Amino acid sequence: MHAIFYNGPVNAGGMRNTQQLLADAVAKRLDDIVLVLSSNGGDVASGMGLYHFIRALPVPVRLHAAGVCSSIAATILLASDIRTGADPTHFVLHAATYREGPNQGQPAANTQLITAPYRSRLGWDDARVAQCFTTEECTLTVRQACDWGMVQAIGDLRLAPSDTTAIVSIPK
């Protein structure tokens, strides 16, 4: 296994560095790649860019939520067909909101963008999306996330002595 650890905010620099580490693993023909996410979220554009990059890769990448997987990080998690979560891990979902200007604090139009994978990949209906993506935070335990399809299994990631690792550098 080749484990790539992303611990921190989702931003453009972190996304580019993660894409490079994933591309390097694919070029080395590594066949068991796992991206371990621990993030409170961040930039929607960067997160959706990483989501689509993972979906485009010619090999499967497993995603594992560890500790905190919130906001756009939870959407990134859905890029994989194989998703697991450590216990305890919490998932915090909410609508994207405007951060400044006259609409500050109001739901932003890109909420539709971040909820699309929940609809298409998990089959969430309008009621479930409306329940989880408001201006208030919706916190899910890893068990709830499993029940709702966000992760398929709960357990710790265990590295073997022969496994390789990489740490994503996340510039501020």
C-alpha atoms as a PDB file:
ATOM      1  CA  MET A   1       0.000   0.000   0.000  1.00  0.00           C
ATOM      2  CA  HIS A   2       1.065   3.574  -0.667  1.00  0.00           C
ATOM      3  CA  ALA A   3      -0.607   5.938   1.820  1.00  0.00           C
ATOM      4  CA  ILE A   4      -0.760   9.680   1.183  1.00  0.00           C
ATOM      5  CA  PHE A   5      -1.686  11.745   4.247  1.00  0.00           C
ATOM      6  CA  TYR A   6      -3.576  15.051   3.837  1.00  0.00           C
ATOM      7  CA  ASN A   7      -3.851  16.781   7.226  1.00  0.00           C
ATOM      8  CA  GLY A   8      -4.989  20.389   7.072  1.00  0.00           C
ATOM      9  CA  PRO A   9      -7.082  22.919   5.196  1.00  0.00           C
ATOM     10  CA  VAL A  10      -8.192  22.345   1.616  1.00  0.00           C
ATOM     11  CA  ASN A  11      -6.507  25.023  -0.470  1.00  0.00           C
ATOM     12  CA  ALA A  12      -4.986  25.416  -3.934  1.00  0.00           C
ATOM     13  CA  GLY A  13      -1.431  24.560  -2.843  1.00  0.00           C
ATOM     14  CA  GLY A  14      -2.506  21.464  -0.953  1.00  0.00           C
ATOM     15  CA  MET A  15      -4.616  20.350  -3.904  1.00  0.00           C
ATOM     16  CA  ARG A  16      -1.735  20.750  -6.377  1.00  0.00           C
ATOM     17  CA  ASN A  17       0.666  18.892  -4.078  1.00  0.00           C
ATOM     18  CA  THR A  18      -1.839  16.067  -3.596  1.00  0.00           C
ATOM     19  CA  GLN A  19      -2.404  15.817  -7.341  1.00  0.00           C
ATOM     20  CA  GLN A  20       1.353  15.568  -7.877  1.00  0.00           C
ATOM     21  CA  LEU A  21       1.760  12.846  -5.229  1.00  0.00           C
ATOM     22  CA  LEU A  22      -1.137  10.885  -6.737  1.00  0.00           C
ATOM     23  CA  ALA A  23       0.244  11.310 -10.270  1.00  0.00           C
ATOM     24  CA  ASP A  24       3.676  10.138  -9.076  1.00  0.00           C
ATOM     25  CA  ALA A  25       2.115   7.035  -7.466  1.00  0.00           C
ATOM     26  CA  VAL A  26       0.273   6.233 -10.698  1.00  0.00           C
ATOM     27  CA  ALA A  27       3.457   6.755 -12.752  1.00  0.00           C
ATOM     28  CA  LYS A  28       5.288   4.333 -10.431  1.00  0.00           C
ATOM     29  CA  ARG A  29       2.508   1.819 -11.153  1.00  0.00           C
ATOM     30  CA  LEU A  30       1.581   1.511  -7.505  1.00  0.00           C
ATOM     31  CA  ASP A  31      -1.602  -0.520  -7.414  1.00  0.00           C
ATOM     32  CA  ASP A  32      -2.849   0.127  -3.881  1.00  0.00           C
ATOM     33  CA  ILE A  33      -3.080   3.869  -3.226  1.00  0.00           C
ATOM     34  CA  VAL A  34      -4.955   5.321  -0.268  1.00  0.00           C
ATOM     35  CA  LEU A  35      -5.478   9.011   0.444  1.00  0.00           C
ATOM     36  CA  VAL A  36      -5.998   9.626   4.157  1.00  0.00           C
ATOM     37  CA  LEU A  37      -8.028  12.793   4.794  1.00  0.00           C
ATOM     38  CA  SER A  38      -8.128  14.770   8.012  1.00  0.00           C
ATOM     39  CA  SER A  39      -9.441  18.250   7.258  1.00  0.00           C
ATOM     40  CA  ASN A  40     -11.964  20.823   8.390  1.00  0.00           C
ATOM     41  CA  GLY A  41     -12.440  21.720   4.724  1.00  0.00           C
ATOM     42  CA  GLY A  42     -11.668  24.960   2.947  1.00  0.00           C
ATOM     43  CA  ASP A  43     -11.773  26.219  -0.613  1.00  0.00           C
ATOM     44  CA  VAL A  44     -14.612  24.750  -2.704  1.00  0.00           C
ATOM     45  CA  ALA A  45     -12.863  25.255  -6.063  1.00  0.00           C
ATOM     46  CA  SER A  46      -9.720  23.457  -4.853  1.00  0.00           C
ATOM     47  CA  GLY A  47     -11.734  20.656  -3.299  1.00  0.00           C
ATOM     48  CA  MET A  48     -13.818  20.070  -6.394  1.00  0.00           C
ATOM     49  CA  GLY A  49     -10.646  20.158  -8.497  1.00  0.00           C
ATOM     50  CA  LEU A  50      -9.153  17.373  -6.370  1.00  0.00           C
ATOM     51  CA  TYR A  51     -12.439  15.450  -6.458  1.00  0.00           C
ATOM     52  CA  HIS A  52     -12.453  15.433 -10.266  1.00  0.00           C
ATOM     53  CA  PHE A  53      -8.721  14.659 -10.477  1.00  0.00           C
ATOM     54  CA  ILE A  54      -9.186  11.541  -8.341  1.00  0.00           C
ATOM     55  CA  ARG A  55     -12.193  10.481 -10.438  1.00  0.00           C
ATOM     56  CA  ALA A  56     -10.084  10.848 -13.618  1.00  0.00           C
ATOM     57  CA  LEU A  57      -7.152   8.693 -12.493  1.00  0.00           C
ATOM     58  CA  PRO A  58      -6.670   5.406 -14.381  1.00  0.00           C
ATOM     59  CA  VAL A  59      -6.337   3.422 -11.131  1.00  0.00           C
ATOM     60  CA  PRO A  60      -8.608   3.346  -8.102  1.00  0.00           C
ATOM     61  CA  VAL A  61      -7.630   5.442  -5.109  1.00  0.00           C
ATOM     62  CA  ARG A  62      -9.097   4.451  -1.772  1.00  0.00           C
ATOM     63  CA  LEU A  63     -10.056   7.295   0.546  1.00  0.00           C
ATOM     64  CA  HIS A  64      -9.918   7.003   4.322  1.00  0.00           C
ATOM     65  CA  ALA A  65     -11.358   9.636   6.675  1.00  0.00           C
ATOM     66  CA  ALA A  66      -9.347   9.978   9.867  1.00  0.00           C
ATOM     67  CA  GLY A  67     -10.466  12.148  12.774  1.00  0.00           C
ATOM     68  CA  VAL A  68     -12.193  15.017  10.981  1.00  0.00           C
ATOM     69  CA  CYS A  69     -13.571  15.062   7.458  1.00  0.00           C
ATOM     70  CA  SER A  70     -15.644  18.188   7.120  1.00  0.00           C
ATOM     71  CA  SER A  71     -17.132  20.496   4.556  1.00  0.00           C
ATOM     72  CA  ILE A  72     -15.459  20.197   1.145  1.00  0.00           C
ATOM     73  CA  ALA A  73     -13.156  17.442   2.497  1.00  0.00           C
ATOM     74  CA  ALA A  74     -16.245  15.243   2.908  1.00  0.00           C
ATOM     75  CA  THR A  75     -17.106  15.888  -0.736  1.00  0.00           C
ATOM     76  CA  ILE A  76     -13.561  14.939  -1.779  1.00  0.00           C
ATOM     77  CA  LEU A  77     -14.052  11.652   0.089  1.00  0.00           C
ATOM     78  CA  LEU A  78     -16.860  10.772  -2.318  1.00  0.00           C
ATOM     79  CA  ALA A  79     -14.442  10.763  -5.287  1.00  0.00           C
ATOM     80  CA  SER A  80     -13.498   7.188  -4.467  1.00  0.00           C
ATOM     81  CA  ASP A  81     -15.500   4.018  -4.953  1.00  0.00           C
ATOM     82  CA  ILE A  82     -13.776   2.618  -1.836  1.00  0.00           C
ATOM     83  CA  ARG A  83     -14.306   4.793   1.254  1.00  0.00           C
ATOM     84  CA  THR A  84     -13.521   3.986   4.868  1.00  0.00           C
ATOM     85  CA  GLY A  85     -13.471   5.928   8.113  1.00  0.00           C
ATOM     86  CA  ALA A  86     -11.627   5.577  11.394  1.00  0.00           C
ATOM     87  CA  ASP A  87     -13.523   5.491  14.664  1.00  0.00           C
ATOM     88  CA  PRO A  88     -13.869   8.132  15.963  1.00  0.00           C
ATOM     89  CA  THR A  89     -14.230  10.400  12.946  1.00  0.00           C
ATOM     90  CA  HIS A  90     -16.734  13.209  12.603  1.00  0.00           C
ATOM     91  CA  PHE A  91     -18.139  14.591   9.383  1.00  0.00           C
ATOM     92  CA  VAL A  92     -19.486  18.136   9.350  1.00  0.00           C
ATOM     93  CA  LEU A  93     -21.657  19.134   6.408  1.00  0.00           C
ATOM     94  CA  HIS A  94     -23.089  22.561   5.610  1.00  0.00           C
ATOM     95  CA  ALA A  95     -24.038  24.771   2.707  1.00  0.00           C
ATOM     96  CA  ALA A  96     -21.387  26.873   1.053  1.00  0.00           C
ATOM     97  CA  THR A  97     -21.897  30.448   2.177  1.00  0.00           C
ATOM     98  CA  TYR A  98     -20.757  33.860   1.050  1.00  0.00           C
ATOM     99  CA  ARG A  99     -17.835  35.027   3.201  1.00  0.00           C
ATOM    100  CA  GLU A 100     -18.141  38.738   2.466  1.00  0.00           C
ATOM    101  CA  GLY A 101     -20.324  41.332   0.805  1.00  0.00           C
ATOM    102  CA  PRO A 102     -24.046  41.977   1.115  1.00  0.00           C
ATOM    103  CA  ASN A 103     -24.888  38.242   1.096  1.00  0.00           C
ATOM    104  CA  GLN A 104     -22.375  37.315   3.811  1.00  0.00           C
ATOM    105  CA  GLY A 105     -23.521  34.208   5.683  1.00  0.00           C
ATOM    106  CA  GLN A 106     -26.176  33.315   3.092  1.00  0.00           C
ATOM    107  CA  PRO A 107     -26.039  30.070   1.080  1.00  0.00           C
ATOM    108  CA  ALA A 108     -23.907  30.410  -2.043  1.00  0.00           C
ATOM    109  CA  ALA A 109     -24.817  29.069  -5.473  1.00  0.00           C
ATOM    110  CA  ASN A 110     -21.940  26.574  -5.379  1.00  0.00           C
ATOM    111  CA  THR A 111     -23.810  24.603  -2.712  1.00  0.00           C
ATOM    112  CA  GLN A 112     -25.378  22.809  -5.703  1.00  0.00           C
ATOM    113  CA  LEU A 113     -21.867  21.942  -6.884  1.00  0.00           C
ATOM    114  CA  ILE A 114     -20.741  20.414  -3.581  1.00  0.00           C
ATOM    115  CA  THR A 115     -23.972  18.466  -3.095  1.00  0.00           C
ATOM    116  CA  ALA A 116     -23.982  16.954  -6.595  1.00  0.00           C
ATOM    117  CA  PRO A 117     -21.777  13.965  -5.594  1.00  0.00           C
ATOM    118  CA  TYR A 118     -24.073  13.212  -2.653  1.00  0.00           C
ATOM    119  CA  ARG A 119     -26.969  13.018  -5.097  1.00  0.00           C
ATOM    120  CA  SER A 120     -25.244  11.170  -7.947  1.00  0.00           C
ATOM    121  CA  ARG A 121     -22.874   8.869  -6.051  1.00  0.00           C
ATOM    122  CA  LEU A 122     -24.853   8.202  -2.864  1.00  0.00           C
ATOM    123  CA  GLY A 123     -28.389   8.654  -4.151  1.00  0.00           C
ATOM    124  CA  TRP A 124     -29.297  11.230  -1.526  1.00  0.00           C
ATOM    125  CA  ASP A 125     -32.696  12.758  -2.173  1.00  0.00           C
ATOM    126  CA  ASP A 126     -33.700  16.413  -1.838  1.00  0.00           C
ATOM    127  CA  ALA A 127     -34.836  15.903   1.764  1.00  0.00           C
ATOM    128  CA  ARG A 128     -31.500  14.424   2.906  1.00  0.00           C
ATOM    129  CA  VAL A 129     -29.528  17.133   1.093  1.00  0.00           C
ATOM    130  CA  ALA A 130     -31.753  19.848   2.594  1.00  0.00           C
ATOM    131  CA  GLN A 131     -31.280  18.318   6.051  1.00  0.00           C
ATOM    132  CA  CYS A 132     -27.479  18.330   5.827  1.00  0.00           C
ATOM    133  CA  PHE A 133     -26.637  21.370   3.713  1.00  0.00           C
ATOM    134  CA  THR A 134     -27.991  24.425   5.507  1.00  0.00           C
ATOM    135  CA  THR A 135     -26.147  27.402   6.970  1.00  0.00           C
ATOM    136  CA  GLU A 136     -26.031  25.421  10.235  1.00  0.00           C
ATOM    137  CA  GLU A 137     -23.539  22.593  10.675  1.00  0.00           C
ATOM    138  CA  CYS A 138     -24.792  19.011  10.463  1.00  0.00           C
ATOM    139  CA  THR A 139     -22.416  16.716  12.360  1.00  0.00           C
ATOM    140  CA  LEU A 140     -22.370  12.996  11.628  1.00  0.00           C
ATOM    141  CA  THR A 141     -20.511  10.270  13.472  1.00  0.00           C
ATOM    142  CA  VAL A 142     -18.612   7.714  11.439  1.00  0.00           C
ATOM    143  CA  ARG A 143     -21.444   5.238  12.146  1.00  0.00           C
ATOM    144  CA  GLN A 144     -24.027   7.675  10.725  1.00  0.00           C
ATOM    145  CA  ALA A 145     -21.747   8.330   7.736  1.00  0.00           C
ATOM    146  CA  CYS A 146     -21.592   4.575   7.162  1.00  0.00           C
ATOM    147  CA  ASP A 147     -25.365   4.204   7.472  1.00  0.00           C
ATOM    148  CA  TRP A 148     -25.824   7.003   4.916  1.00  0.00           C
ATOM    149  CA  GLY A 149     -23.240   5.602   2.456  1.00  0.00           C
ATOM    150  CA  MET A 150     -20.484   8.171   2.872  1.00  0.00           C
ATOM    151  CA  VAL A 151     -18.149   5.399   4.015  1.00  0.00           C
ATOM    152  CA  GLN A 152     -18.593   1.695   3.401  1.00  0.00           C
ATOM    153  CA  ALA A 153     -16.600   0.424   6.371  1.00  0.00           C
ATOM    154  CA  ILE A 154     -15.320   1.640   9.731  1.00  0.00           C
ATOM    155  CA  GLY A 155     -11.843   0.774  10.904  1.00  0.00           C
ATOM    156  CA  ASP A 156      -8.303   1.938  11.431  1.00  0.00           C
ATOM    157  CA  LEU A 157      -5.799   2.139   8.610  1.00  0.00           C
ATOM    158  CA  ARG A 158      -2.893  -0.192   9.405  1.00  0.00           C
ATOM    159  CA  LEU A 159       0.443   0.235   7.674  1.00  0.00           C
ATOM    160  CA  ALA A 160       2.733  -2.734   7.109  1.00  0.00           C
ATOM    161  CA  PRO A 161       6.539  -2.383   7.271  1.00  0.00           C
ATOM    162  CA  SER A 162       6.711  -2.682   3.473  1.00  0.00           C
ATOM    163  CA  ASP A 163       4.131   0.068   2.861  1.00  0.00           C
ATOM    164  CA  THR A 164       5.206   3.481   1.647  1.00  0.00           C
ATOM    165  CA  THR A 165       3.896   6.861   2.745  1.00  0.00           C
ATOM    166  CA  ALA A 166       3.876  10.455   1.614  1.00  0.00           C
ATOM    167  CA  ILE A 167       2.803  13.581   3.480  1.00  0.00           C
ATOM    168  CA  VAL A 168       1.066  16.362   1.566  1.00  0.00           C
ATOM    169  CA  SER A 169       2.684  19.741   2.051  1.00  0.00           C
ATOM    170  CA  ILE A 170      -0.093  22.280   2.500  1.00  0.00           C
ATOM    171  CA  PRO A 171       1.128  25.872   2.102  1.00  0.00           C
ATOM    172  CA  LYS A 172      -0.817  28.653   3.789  1.00  0.00           C
END
